[in-house]
Amino acid sequence: VQLQASGGGLVQPGGSLTLSCTVSGSIFTMNTMGWYRQAPGKQRELVATITSGGTTNYADSVKGRFTISRANAKNMGYLQMNSLKPEDTAVYFCNLRDIYGSYWGQGTQVTVSS
């Protein structure tokens, strides 16, 4: 199983970005896709998760600003990020967990700065 994250970049405070995660390989139908982030000098933290059934979970710091979604038929996941703040600056990673294991993609850098 391989995950490929894309869509990061430089954006001004208050701006928006959409991250995408492409999943390839054989995965179990029931799974949870998630986005995590790691800022310099900090531990990796949960941003949001979504189950294959569509149940979502968000970190308090992003509630109301970020939206996680997925397209099961395309094996794709997305993270719509609005009202971005400088403290959202981090490397963002996509993750998929199923009964066989936990899989990580390479990170994509998001920088929020004026």
N, C-alpha and C. Protein backbone atom coordinates (compact mmCIF):
# COMPACT_ATOMS: atom_id res chain seq x y z
N VAL A 1 0.85 -1.17 0.00
CA VAL A 1 0.00 0.00 0.00
C VAL A 1 0.90 1.23 0.00
N GLN A 2 0.60 2.16 -0.88
CA GLN A 2 1.36 3.41 -0.95
C GLN A 2 0.40 4.59 -0.92
N LEU A 3 0.79 5.63 -0.20
CA LEU A 3 0.02 6.85 -0.12
C LEU A 3 0.87 8.00 -0.64
N GLN A 4 0.25 8.87 -1.40
CA GLN A 4 0.93 10.02 -1.98
C GLN A 4 0.14 11.27 -1.65
N ALA A 5 0.75 12.14 -0.84
CA ALA A 5 0.11 13.40 -0.49
C ALA A 5 0.59 14.51 -1.41
N SER A 6 -0.30 15.43 -1.71
CA SER A 6 0.06 16.56 -2.57
C SER A 6 -0.83 17.75 -2.22
N GLY A 7 -0.45 18.91 -2.76
CA GLY A 7 -1.28 20.09 -2.60
C GLY A 7 -0.75 21.13 -1.63
N GLY A 8 0.36 20.84 -0.97
CA GLY A 8 0.91 21.81 -0.05
C GLY A 8 1.49 23.02 -0.76
N GLY A 9 1.84 24.02 0.01
CA GLY A 9 2.43 25.21 -0.57
C GLY A 9 2.48 26.35 0.41
N LEU A 10 2.76 27.52 -0.13
CA LEU A 10 2.83 28.74 0.67
C LEU A 10 1.53 29.51 0.49
N VAL A 11 0.93 29.91 1.59
CA VAL A 11 -0.33 30.65 1.53
C VAL A 11 -0.32 31.72 2.60
N GLN A 12 -1.02 32.82 2.34
CA GLN A 12 -1.09 33.89 3.32
C GLN A 12 -2.09 33.56 4.41
N PRO A 13 -1.92 34.14 5.58
CA PRO A 13 -2.92 33.93 6.64
C PRO A 13 -4.32 34.28 6.14
N GLY A 14 -5.27 33.45 6.50
CA GLY A 14 -6.64 33.62 6.03
C GLY A 14 -6.93 32.92 4.73
N GLY A 15 -5.91 32.41 4.09
CA GLY A 15 -6.08 31.74 2.81
C GLY A 15 -6.52 30.29 2.94
N SER A 16 -6.60 29.63 1.80
CA SER A 16 -7.08 28.25 1.75
C SER A 16 -6.15 27.37 0.92
N LEU A 17 -6.14 26.11 1.26
CA LEU A 17 -5.44 25.08 0.49
C LEU A 17 -6.23 23.80 0.58
N THR A 18 -6.10 22.97 -0.43
CA THR A 18 -6.69 21.64 -0.40
C THR A 18 -5.58 20.61 -0.62
N LEU A 19 -5.44 19.72 0.34
CA LEU A 19 -4.49 18.63 0.23
C LEU A 19 -5.20 17.40 -0.32
N SER A 20 -4.46 16.61 -1.09
CA SER A 20 -5.00 15.37 -1.63
C SER A 20 -4.10 14.21 -1.24
N CYS A 21 -4.71 13.05 -1.08
CA CYS A 21 -3.96 11.83 -0.76
C CYS A 21 -4.45 10.74 -1.69
N THR A 22 -3.54 10.20 -2.46
CA THR A 22 -3.87 9.11 -3.37
C THR A 22 -3.37 7.81 -2.77
N VAL A 23 -4.27 6.82 -2.70
CA VAL A 23 -3.94 5.52 -2.13
C VAL A 23 -3.87 4.49 -3.25
N SER A 24 -2.77 3.76 -3.29
CA SER A 24 -2.64 2.68 -4.26
C SER A 24 -2.33 1.39 -3.54
N GLY A 25 -2.72 0.28 -4.12
CA GLY A 25 -2.51 -1.00 -3.49
C GLY A 25 -3.81 -1.56 -2.94
N SER A 26 -3.72 -2.72 -2.37
CA SER A 26 -4.90 -3.42 -1.88
C SER A 26 -5.16 -3.06 -0.42
N ILE A 27 -6.32 -2.49 -0.16
CA ILE A 27 -6.68 -2.14 1.21
C ILE A 27 -8.01 -2.78 1.56
N PHE A 28 -8.23 -2.99 2.86
CA PHE A 28 -9.48 -3.56 3.32
C PHE A 28 -10.57 -2.51 3.18
N THR A 29 -11.77 -2.97 2.85
CA THR A 29 -12.88 -2.06 2.60
C THR A 29 -13.14 -1.13 3.77
N MET A 30 -13.11 -1.69 4.98
CA MET A 30 -13.33 -0.87 6.17
C MET A 30 -11.99 -0.32 6.63
N ASN A 31 -11.86 1.00 6.58
CA ASN A 31 -10.59 1.60 6.96
C ASN A 31 -10.82 3.03 7.42
N THR A 32 -9.82 3.61 7.99
CA THR A 32 -9.86 5.01 8.43
C THR A 32 -8.71 5.76 7.78
N MET A 33 -9.06 6.85 7.15
CA MET A 33 -8.05 7.72 6.53
C MET A 33 -7.88 8.95 7.40
N GLY A 34 -6.65 9.38 7.55
CA GLY A 34 -6.41 10.53 8.41
C GLY A 34 -5.33 11.45 7.89
N TRP A 35 -5.37 12.66 8.40
CA TRP A 35 -4.32 13.63 8.16
C TRP A 35 -3.68 13.99 9.49
N TYR A 36 -2.37 14.02 9.49
CA TYR A 36 -1.59 14.41 10.65
C TYR A 36 -0.62 15.50 10.22
N ARG A 37 -0.08 16.21 11.18
CA ARG A 37 0.90 17.23 10.85
C ARG A 37 2.00 17.28 11.89
N GLN A 38 3.14 17.76 11.45
CA GLN A 38 4.28 17.89 12.34
C GLN A 38 4.98 19.19 12.06
N ALA A 39 4.97 20.05 13.06
CA ALA A 39 5.66 21.33 12.96
C ALA A 39 7.10 21.16 13.45
N PRO A 40 8.00 22.03 13.06
CA PRO A 40 9.40 21.91 13.49
C PRO A 40 9.51 21.89 15.01
N GLY A 41 10.23 20.90 15.51
CA GLY A 41 10.46 20.79 16.95
C GLY A 41 9.29 20.26 17.74
N LYS A 42 8.22 19.84 17.04
CA LYS A 42 7.04 19.34 17.74
C LYS A 42 6.74 17.91 17.31
N GLN A 43 5.92 17.25 18.10
CA GLN A 43 5.52 15.89 17.77
C GLN A 43 4.43 15.91 16.69
N ARG A 44 4.35 14.81 15.97
CA ARG A 44 3.27 14.67 14.99
C ARG A 44 1.93 14.64 15.72
N GLU A 45 0.96 15.36 15.19
CA GLU A 45 -0.34 15.42 15.85
C GLU A 45 -1.46 15.13 14.85
N LEU A 46 -2.55 14.64 15.40
CA LEU A 46 -3.73 14.36 14.59
C LEU A 46 -4.38 15.65 14.14
N VAL A 47 -4.77 15.70 12.88
CA VAL A 47 -5.55 16.82 12.36
C VAL A 47 -7.00 16.41 12.19
N ALA A 48 -7.22 15.33 11.46
CA ALA A 48 -8.59 14.87 11.20
C ALA A 48 -8.56 13.44 10.69
N THR A 49 -9.64 12.73 10.94
CA THR A 49 -9.79 11.38 10.40
C THR A 49 -11.19 11.21 9.82
N ILE A 50 -11.32 10.25 8.92
CA ILE A 50 -12.61 9.91 8.34
C ILE A 50 -12.63 8.42 8.08
N THR A 51 -13.70 7.77 8.51
CA THR A 51 -13.83 6.34 8.28
C THR A 51 -14.37 6.08 6.88
N SER A 52 -14.31 4.83 6.47
CA SER A 52 -14.85 4.49 5.15
C SER A 52 -16.36 4.71 5.10
N GLY A 53 -16.98 4.76 6.28
CA GLY A 53 -18.41 5.04 6.34
C GLY A 53 -18.73 6.52 6.40
N GLY A 54 -17.70 7.36 6.51
CA GLY A 54 -17.91 8.80 6.49
C GLY A 54 -17.92 9.49 7.83
N THR A 55 -17.67 8.78 8.91
CA THR A 55 -17.62 9.41 10.23
C THR A 55 -16.31 10.19 10.36
N THR A 56 -16.43 11.45 10.77
CA THR A 56 -15.25 12.32 10.85
C THR A 56 -14.90 12.67 12.29
N ASN A 57 -13.65 13.04 12.47
CA ASN A 57 -13.14 13.48 13.76
C ASN A 57 -12.09 14.55 13.51
N TYR A 58 -12.13 15.63 14.30
CA TYR A 58 -11.20 16.74 14.09
C TYR A 58 -10.50 17.13 15.38
N ALA A 59 -9.27 17.58 15.24
CA ALA A 59 -8.60 18.21 16.37
C ALA A 59 -9.31 19.52 16.68
N ASP A 60 -9.37 19.88 17.95
CA ASP A 60 -10.06 21.11 18.34
C ASP A 60 -9.49 22.33 17.61
N SER A 61 -8.21 22.31 17.35
CA SER A 61 -7.55 23.47 16.75
C SER A 61 -7.97 23.74 15.30
N VAL A 62 -8.58 22.75 14.66
CA VAL A 62 -8.96 22.94 13.25
C VAL A 62 -10.46 22.86 13.03
N LYS A 63 -11.22 22.56 14.06
CA LYS A 63 -12.68 22.45 13.91
C LYS A 63 -13.27 23.76 13.37
N GLY A 64 -14.13 23.61 12.39
CA GLY A 64 -14.76 24.77 11.79
C GLY A 64 -13.94 25.41 10.68
N ARG A 65 -12.70 25.01 10.53
CA ARG A 65 -11.83 25.58 9.49
C ARG A 65 -11.43 24.54 8.45
N PHE A 66 -11.21 23.30 8.91
CA PHE A 66 -10.76 22.24 8.01
C PHE A 66 -11.90 21.25 7.78
N THR A 67 -11.92 20.66 6.60
CA THR A 67 -12.90 19.63 6.27
C THR A 67 -12.19 18.46 5.61
N ILE A 68 -12.37 17.28 6.20
CA ILE A 68 -11.80 16.07 5.63
C ILE A 68 -12.88 15.36 4.83
N SER A 69 -12.49 14.79 3.70
CA SER A 69 -13.43 14.05 2.87
C SER A 69 -12.66 12.95 2.15
N ARG A 70 -13.43 12.10 1.49
CA ARG A 70 -12.80 11.01 0.75
C ARG A 70 -13.69 10.58 -0.40
N ALA A 71 -13.06 10.00 -1.40
CA ALA A 71 -13.78 9.41 -2.53
C ALA A 71 -13.36 7.95 -2.58
N ASN A 72 -14.16 7.10 -1.98
CA ASN A 72 -13.79 5.69 -1.84
C ASN A 72 -13.55 5.02 -3.20
N ALA A 73 -14.38 5.35 -4.16
CA ALA A 73 -14.26 4.70 -5.47
C ALA A 73 -12.95 5.06 -6.15
N LYS A 74 -12.40 6.21 -5.79
CA LYS A 74 -11.15 6.66 -6.40
C LYS A 74 -9.96 6.42 -5.49
N ASN A 75 -10.19 5.87 -4.29
CA ASN A 75 -9.12 5.70 -3.31
C ASN A 75 -8.38 7.02 -3.08
N MET A 76 -9.16 8.07 -2.90
CA MET A 76 -8.61 9.40 -2.68
C MET A 76 -9.12 9.97 -1.37
N GLY A 77 -8.27 10.77 -0.73
CA GLY A 77 -8.68 11.52 0.44
C GLY A 77 -8.30 12.97 0.28
N TYR A 78 -9.04 13.85 0.98
CA TYR A 78 -8.82 15.28 0.82
C TYR A 78 -8.87 15.98 2.18
N LEU A 79 -8.17 17.10 2.24
CA LEU A 79 -8.26 17.96 3.42
C LEU A 79 -8.39 19.39 2.91
N GLN A 80 -9.60 19.94 3.04
CA GLN A 80 -9.84 21.33 2.68
C GLN A 80 -9.52 22.19 3.88
N MET A 81 -8.59 23.12 3.71
CA MET A 81 -8.15 23.95 4.82
C MET A 81 -8.48 25.41 4.52
N ASN A 82 -9.32 25.99 5.34
CA ASN A 82 -9.72 27.39 5.19
C ASN A 82 -9.25 28.20 6.39
N SER A 83 -9.26 29.50 6.23
CA SER A 83 -8.89 30.41 7.32
C SER A 83 -7.57 29.99 7.96
N LEU A 84 -6.61 29.73 7.14
CA LEU A 84 -5.32 29.22 7.62
C LEU A 84 -4.61 30.25 8.49
N LYS A 85 -3.93 29.74 9.50
CA LYS A 85 -3.19 30.56 10.45
C LYS A 85 -1.71 30.18 10.40
N PRO A 86 -0.86 31.09 10.82
CA PRO A 86 0.58 30.75 10.84
C PRO A 86 0.87 29.48 11.65
N GLU A 87 0.09 29.24 12.69
CA GLU A 87 0.33 28.05 13.51
C GLU A 87 -0.09 26.77 12.81
N ASP A 88 -0.70 26.86 11.65
CA ASP A 88 -1.00 25.66 10.85
C ASP A 88 0.21 25.23 10.03
N THR A 89 1.25 26.02 10.04
CA THR A 89 2.46 25.67 9.29
C THR A 89 3.05 24.36 9.81
N ALA A 90 3.23 23.41 8.92
CA ALA A 90 3.73 22.09 9.29
C ALA A 90 3.88 21.24 8.04
N VAL A 91 4.48 20.10 8.21
CA VAL A 91 4.45 19.06 7.19
C VAL A 91 3.21 18.21 7.47
N TYR A 92 2.38 18.05 6.46
CA TYR A 92 1.14 17.30 6.60
C TYR A 92 1.30 15.92 5.98
N PHE A 93 0.87 14.90 6.72
CA PHE A 93 0.99 13.51 6.30
C PHE A 93 -0.39 12.89 6.20
N CYS A 94 -0.59 12.06 5.19
CA CYS A 94 -1.82 11.28 5.15
C CYS A 94 -1.52 9.87 5.66
N ASN A 95 -2.54 9.28 6.23
CA ASN A 95 -2.42 7.96 6.86
C ASN A 95 -3.66 7.14 6.56
N LEU A 96 -3.47 5.85 6.42
CA LEU A 96 -4.61 4.94 6.27
C LEU A 96 -4.40 3.74 7.18
N ARG A 97 -5.45 3.41 7.93
CA ARG A 97 -5.40 2.26 8.83
C ARG A 97 -6.50 1.29 8.45
N ASP A 98 -6.11 0.01 8.30
CA ASP A 98 -7.12 -1.04 8.15
C ASP A 98 -6.71 -2.22 9.01
N ILE A 99 -7.38 -3.35 8.84
CA ILE A 99 -7.10 -4.47 9.74
C ILE A 99 -5.70 -5.05 9.51
N TYR A 100 -5.09 -4.67 8.41
CA TYR A 100 -3.77 -5.23 8.10
C TYR A 100 -2.62 -4.34 8.58
N GLY A 101 -2.89 -3.09 8.84
CA GLY A 101 -1.81 -2.23 9.29
C GLY A 101 -2.10 -0.76 9.16
N SER A 102 -1.06 0.02 9.37
CA SER A 102 -1.15 1.49 9.28
C SER A 102 -0.11 1.94 8.26
N TYR A 103 -0.54 2.78 7.34
CA TYR A 103 0.30 3.16 6.22
C TYR A 103 0.41 4.68 6.17
N TRP A 104 1.62 5.15 5.85
CA TRP A 104 1.88 6.59 5.81
C TRP A 104 2.38 7.00 4.44
N GLY A 105 1.99 8.18 4.05
CA GLY A 105 2.54 8.77 2.85
C GLY A 105 3.68 9.71 3.21
N GLN A 106 4.37 10.19 2.22
CA GLN A 106 5.38 11.21 2.49
C GLN A 106 4.65 12.51 2.79
N GLY A 107 5.26 13.40 3.46
CA GLY A 107 4.59 14.63 3.85
C GLY A 107 4.57 15.66 2.74
N THR A 108 3.67 16.63 2.92
CA THR A 108 3.64 17.78 2.03
C THR A 108 3.67 19.03 2.90
N GLN A 109 4.53 19.96 2.55
CA GLN A 109 4.76 21.13 3.38
C GLN A 109 3.67 22.18 3.16
N VAL A 110 3.12 22.65 4.26
CA VAL A 110 2.18 23.77 4.24
C VAL A 110 2.79 24.90 5.06
N THR A 111 2.96 26.03 4.43
CA THR A 111 3.52 27.20 5.10
C THR A 111 2.54 28.35 5.01
N VAL A 112 2.16 28.86 6.17
CA VAL A 112 1.22 29.99 6.23
C VAL A 112 2.00 31.20 6.72
N SER A 113 2.19 32.13 5.82
CA SER A 113 3.02 33.30 6.15
C SER A 113 2.69 34.44 5.22
N SER A 114 2.80 35.64 5.74
CA SER A 114 2.61 36.82 4.91
C SER A 114 3.94 37.31 4.35
